[in-house]
Amino acid sequence: YHLLKLLQKFGKVKQFDFLFHKSGALEGQPRGYCFVNFETKQEAEKAIQCLNGKLALSKKLVVRWAHAQVKRYDHNKSEKILPISLEPSSSTEPPQSNLSVSAKIKAIEAKLKMMAENPDAEYPAAPVYSYFKPPEKKRTTPYSRAAWKSRR
């Protein structure tokens, strides 16, 4: 609540998502970060400039764009441009064609080819396990009854 009130000083908050742990030992506890959408880009930039590095509720705030590499706003509009993966789906949209599936397959094949040509020395591949190799120690009997009793 206090964080929301602090953010409202910089402009109209369109959406505020404060994340909590859903399961585990910390269930119900805050995750320590949130996402905020303002009405305009200028309000968001003002909040980033003023709040980044400041102390609030005994915590140092780190305020930044959620995805710096993605173009967040259109220059002509104050409306946010969503990446394709976040766009709301519509029942009027045609289903994805096989073209996108084949494009994904080509991308994966290109990445595999690149990985084969440039093996990473820091992360060597796991050794291939041979399923049909003979055991290293050959047992003559399944177990020794005397040895089994002494282990108990």
C-alpha atoms as a PDB file:
ATOM      1  CA  TYR A   1       0.000   0.000   0.000  1.00  0.00           C
ATOM      2  CA  HIS A   2       2.792   2.422   0.919  1.00  0.00           C
ATOM      3  CA  LEU A   3       4.621   1.690  -2.322  1.00  0.00           C
ATOM      4  CA  LEU A   4       1.486   2.340  -4.365  1.00  0.00           C
ATOM      5  CA  LYS A   5       0.964   5.682  -2.622  1.00  0.00           C
ATOM      6  CA  LEU A   6       4.601   6.578  -3.304  1.00  0.00           C
ATOM      7  CA  LEU A   7       4.204   5.762  -7.022  1.00  0.00           C
ATOM      8  CA  GLN A   8       0.996   7.758  -7.364  1.00  0.00           C
ATOM      9  CA  LYS A   9       2.973  10.952  -6.683  1.00  0.00           C
ATOM     10  CA  PHE A  10       4.533  10.615 -10.158  1.00  0.00           C
ATOM     11  CA  GLY A  11       1.325  10.216 -12.145  1.00  0.00           C
ATOM     12  CA  LYS A  12      -1.742   8.078 -12.662  1.00  0.00           C
ATOM     13  CA  VAL A  13      -0.946   4.395 -12.074  1.00  0.00           C
ATOM     14  CA  LYS A  14      -2.690   2.324 -14.733  1.00  0.00           C
ATOM     15  CA  GLN A  15      -1.641  -1.083 -13.408  1.00  0.00           C
ATOM     16  CA  PHE A  16       0.242  -2.204 -10.292  1.00  0.00           C
ATOM     17  CA  ASP A  17       1.375  -5.824  -9.830  1.00  0.00           C
ATOM     18  CA  PHE A  18       3.047  -6.652  -6.523  1.00  0.00           C
ATOM     19  CA  LEU A  19       4.267 -10.257  -6.643  1.00  0.00           C
ATOM     20  CA  PHE A  20       4.043 -12.783  -3.801  1.00  0.00           C
ATOM     21  CA  HIS A  21       5.393 -16.319  -3.413  1.00  0.00           C
ATOM     22  CA  LYS A  22       2.686 -18.801  -4.430  1.00  0.00           C
ATOM     23  CA  SER A  23       4.078 -21.886  -2.719  1.00  0.00           C
ATOM     24  CA  GLY A  24       6.892 -23.191  -0.581  1.00  0.00           C
ATOM     25  CA  ALA A  25       8.211 -21.997   2.759  1.00  0.00           C
ATOM     26  CA  LEU A  26       7.739 -18.333   1.797  1.00  0.00           C
ATOM     27  CA  GLU A  27       4.148 -18.712   0.562  1.00  0.00           C
ATOM     28  CA  GLY A  28       2.281 -15.432   0.921  1.00  0.00           C
ATOM     29  CA  GLN A  29       5.467 -13.413   1.479  1.00  0.00           C
ATOM     30  CA  PRO A  30       6.385 -10.652  -1.013  1.00  0.00           C
ATOM     31  CA  ARG A  31       8.894 -11.574  -3.701  1.00  0.00           C
ATOM     32  CA  GLY A  32      10.531  -8.189  -3.402  1.00  0.00           C
ATOM     33  CA  TYR A  33       9.571  -6.645  -6.719  1.00  0.00           C
ATOM     34  CA  CYS A  34       6.590  -5.268  -8.563  1.00  0.00           C
ATOM     35  CA  PHE A  35       5.543  -4.002 -11.984  1.00  0.00           C
ATOM     36  CA  VAL A  36       3.908  -0.625 -12.578  1.00  0.00           C
ATOM     37  CA  ASN A  37       2.299   0.874 -15.692  1.00  0.00           C
ATOM     38  CA  PHE A  38       1.735   4.622 -15.801  1.00  0.00           C
ATOM     39  CA  GLU A  39      -0.632   6.493 -18.111  1.00  0.00           C
ATOM     40  CA  THR A  40       2.235   8.167 -20.017  1.00  0.00           C
ATOM     41  CA  LYS A  41       5.868   7.505 -20.784  1.00  0.00           C
ATOM     42  CA  GLN A  42       6.847  10.819 -19.179  1.00  0.00           C
ATOM     43  CA  GLU A  43       5.323   9.783 -15.840  1.00  0.00           C
ATOM     44  CA  ALA A  44       7.191   6.484 -15.968  1.00  0.00           C
ATOM     45  CA  GLU A  45      10.513   8.169 -16.788  1.00  0.00           C
ATOM     46  CA  LYS A  46      10.002  10.674 -13.977  1.00  0.00           C
ATOM     47  CA  ALA A  47       9.367   7.834 -11.506  1.00  0.00           C
ATOM     48  CA  ILE A  48      12.481   5.975 -12.705  1.00  0.00           C
ATOM     49  CA  GLN A  49      14.688   9.060 -12.341  1.00  0.00           C
ATOM     50  CA  CYS A  50      13.359  10.064  -8.924  1.00  0.00           C
ATOM     51  CA  LEU A  51      13.018   6.664  -7.243  1.00  0.00           C
ATOM     52  CA  ASN A  52      16.003   4.662  -8.507  1.00  0.00           C
ATOM     53  CA  GLY A  53      18.503   4.257  -5.677  1.00  0.00           C
ATOM     54  CA  LYS A  54      16.265   5.868  -3.029  1.00  0.00           C
ATOM     55  CA  LEU A  55      15.361   4.243   0.283  1.00  0.00           C
ATOM     56  CA  ALA A  56      11.719   3.311   0.864  1.00  0.00           C
ATOM     57  CA  LEU A  57      10.413   1.156   3.713  1.00  0.00           C
ATOM     58  CA  SER A  58      14.045   0.482   4.767  1.00  0.00           C
ATOM     59  CA  LYS A  59      14.874  -0.977   1.325  1.00  0.00           C
ATOM     60  CA  LYS A  60      16.997   0.500  -1.460  1.00  0.00           C
ATOM     61  CA  LEU A  61      14.824   0.744  -4.561  1.00  0.00           C
ATOM     62  CA  VAL A  62      15.978  -0.340  -8.005  1.00  0.00           C
ATOM     63  CA  VAL A  63      13.627   1.219 -10.549  1.00  0.00           C
ATOM     64  CA  ARG A  64      14.045   0.453 -14.253  1.00  0.00           C
ATOM     65  CA  TRP A  65      12.169  -0.526 -17.380  1.00  0.00           C
ATOM     66  CA  ALA A  66      10.935  -4.106 -17.188  1.00  0.00           C
ATOM     67  CA  HIS A  67      12.602  -4.992 -20.508  1.00  0.00           C
ATOM     68  CA  ALA A  68      15.099  -2.374 -21.648  1.00  0.00           C
ATOM     69  CA  GLN A  69      15.726  -4.138 -24.970  1.00  0.00           C
ATOM     70  CA  VAL A  70      12.041  -4.012 -25.990  1.00  0.00           C
ATOM     71  CA  LYS A  71      10.557  -0.812 -27.409  1.00  0.00           C
ATOM     72  CA  ARG A  72       8.021   0.048 -24.712  1.00  0.00           C
ATOM     73  CA  TYR A  73       6.208   3.051 -26.233  1.00  0.00           C
ATOM     74  CA  ASP A  74       5.332   4.306 -29.691  1.00  0.00           C
ATOM     75  CA  HIS A  75       6.731   7.794 -30.343  1.00  0.00           C
ATOM     76  CA  ASN A  76       3.373   9.061 -31.626  1.00  0.00           C
ATOM     77  CA  LYS A  77       1.229   7.559 -28.870  1.00  0.00           C
ATOM     78  CA  SER A  78       1.449   7.412 -25.117  1.00  0.00           C
ATOM     79  CA  GLU A  79       0.197   3.849 -25.290  1.00  0.00           C
ATOM     80  CA  LYS A  80       2.465   0.921 -24.545  1.00  0.00           C
ATOM     81  CA  ILE A  81       3.346  -1.470 -27.365  1.00  0.00           C
ATOM     82  CA  LEU A  82       3.209  -5.047 -26.146  1.00  0.00           C
ATOM     83  CA  PRO A  83       5.593  -7.708 -27.412  1.00  0.00           C
ATOM     84  CA  ILE A  84       3.896 -10.378 -29.509  1.00  0.00           C
ATOM     85  CA  SER A  85       3.983 -12.872 -26.642  1.00  0.00           C
ATOM     86  CA  LEU A  86       2.011 -10.485 -24.393  1.00  0.00           C
ATOM     87  CA  GLU A  87      -0.577  -9.269 -26.859  1.00  0.00           C
ATOM     88  CA  PRO A  88      -4.085 -10.254 -25.852  1.00  0.00           C
ATOM     89  CA  SER A  89      -5.398 -13.021 -28.051  1.00  0.00           C
ATOM     90  CA  SER A  90      -8.481 -12.481 -30.086  1.00  0.00           C
ATOM     91  CA  SER A  91     -10.998 -14.980 -31.345  1.00  0.00           C
ATOM     92  CA  THR A  92     -11.001 -13.176 -34.705  1.00  0.00           C
ATOM     93  CA  GLU A  93      -7.296 -13.908 -35.250  1.00  0.00           C
ATOM     94  CA  PRO A  94      -6.554 -16.849 -37.537  1.00  0.00           C
ATOM     95  CA  PRO A  95      -4.736 -19.757 -35.880  1.00  0.00           C
ATOM     96  CA  GLN A  96      -0.965 -19.830 -36.311  1.00  0.00           C
ATOM     97  CA  SER A  97       0.023 -21.344 -39.593  1.00  0.00           C
ATOM     98  CA  ASN A  98       2.636 -24.001 -40.304  1.00  0.00           C
ATOM     99  CA  LEU A  99       4.870 -21.190 -41.498  1.00  0.00           C
ATOM    100  CA  SER A 100       5.589 -20.093 -37.930  1.00  0.00           C
ATOM    101  CA  VAL A 101       6.259 -23.697 -36.896  1.00  0.00           C
ATOM    102  CA  SER A 102       8.669 -24.186 -39.786  1.00  0.00           C
ATOM    103  CA  ALA A 103      10.342 -20.879 -38.917  1.00  0.00           C
ATOM    104  CA  LYS A 104      10.840 -22.104 -35.352  1.00  0.00           C
ATOM    105  CA  ILE A 105      12.284 -25.376 -36.613  1.00  0.00           C
ATOM    106  CA  LYS A 106      14.715 -23.517 -38.892  1.00  0.00           C
ATOM    107  CA  ALA A 107      15.775 -21.284 -36.004  1.00  0.00           C
ATOM    108  CA  ILE A 108      16.449 -24.307 -33.784  1.00  0.00           C
ATOM    109  CA  GLU A 109      18.370 -26.041 -36.574  1.00  0.00           C
ATOM    110  CA  ALA A 110      20.471 -22.899 -37.125  1.00  0.00           C
ATOM    111  CA  LYS A 111      21.253 -22.706 -33.415  1.00  0.00           C
ATOM    112  CA  LEU A 112      22.229 -26.383 -33.294  1.00  0.00           C
ATOM    113  CA  LYS A 113      24.510 -25.866 -36.285  1.00  0.00           C
ATOM    114  CA  MET A 114      26.105 -22.843 -34.598  1.00  0.00           C
ATOM    115  CA  MET A 115      26.605 -24.840 -31.395  1.00  0.00           C
ATOM    116  CA  ALA A 116      28.230 -27.659 -33.345  1.00  0.00           C
ATOM    117  CA  GLU A 117      30.599 -25.258 -35.121  1.00  0.00           C
ATOM    118  CA  ASN A 118      31.531 -23.315 -31.951  1.00  0.00           C
ATOM    119  CA  PRO A 119      31.730 -25.741 -29.044  1.00  0.00           C
ATOM    120  CA  ASP A 120      31.951 -23.941 -25.701  1.00  0.00           C
ATOM    121  CA  ALA A 121      35.176 -24.830 -23.887  1.00  0.00           C
ATOM    122  CA  GLU A 122      33.862 -23.665 -20.502  1.00  0.00           C
ATOM    123  CA  TYR A 123      30.904 -26.049 -20.506  1.00  0.00           C
ATOM    124  CA  PRO A 124      31.961 -29.373 -21.979  1.00  0.00           C
ATOM    125  CA  ALA A 125      29.199 -31.722 -22.976  1.00  0.00           C
ATOM    126  CA  ALA A 126      28.315 -34.526 -20.598  1.00  0.00           C
ATOM    127  CA  PRO A 127      29.962 -37.808 -21.525  1.00  0.00           C
ATOM    128  CA  VAL A 128      27.759 -40.161 -23.487  1.00  0.00           C
ATOM    129  CA  TYR A 129      26.526 -43.026 -21.348  1.00  0.00           C
ATOM    130  CA  SER A 130      26.953 -46.451 -22.837  1.00  0.00           C
ATOM    131  CA  TYR A 131      24.044 -48.702 -21.910  1.00  0.00           C
ATOM    132  CA  PHE A 132      25.595 -51.922 -23.140  1.00  0.00           C
ATOM    133  CA  LYS A 133      29.004 -51.756 -21.496  1.00  0.00           C
ATOM    134  CA  PRO A 134      30.109 -54.590 -19.197  1.00  0.00           C
ATOM    135  CA  PRO A 135      30.222 -53.819 -15.467  1.00  0.00           C
ATOM    136  CA  GLU A 136      33.578 -52.647 -14.144  1.00  0.00           C
ATOM    137  CA  LYS A 137      33.569 -55.167 -11.270  1.00  0.00           C
ATOM    138  CA  LYS A 138      32.498 -58.664 -12.049  1.00  0.00           C
ATOM    139  CA  ARG A 139      30.601 -60.377  -9.226  1.00  0.00           C
ATOM    140  CA  THR A 140      30.816 -64.074  -8.800  1.00  0.00           C
ATOM    141  CA  THR A 141      27.900 -64.203  -6.354  1.00  0.00           C
ATOM    142  CA  PRO A 142      25.060 -61.770  -5.741  1.00  0.00           C
ATOM    143  CA  TYR A 143      26.259 -61.011  -2.204  1.00  0.00           C
ATOM    144  CA  SER A 144      28.044 -62.507   0.713  1.00  0.00           C
ATOM    145  CA  ARG A 145      25.751 -63.361   3.618  1.00  0.00           C
ATOM    146  CA  ALA A 146      28.550 -62.807   6.165  1.00  0.00           C
ATOM    147  CA  ALA A 147      29.373 -59.372   4.710  1.00  0.00           C
ATOM    148  CA  TRP A 148      25.691 -58.427   4.701  1.00  0.00           C
ATOM    149  CA  LYS A 149      25.224 -59.247   8.405  1.00  0.00           C
ATOM    150  CA  SER A 150      28.336 -57.310   9.405  1.00  0.00           C
ATOM    151  CA  ARG A 151      27.002 -54.145   7.743  1.00  0.00           C
ATOM    152  CA  ARG A 152      23.902 -54.073   9.925  1.00  0.00           C
END
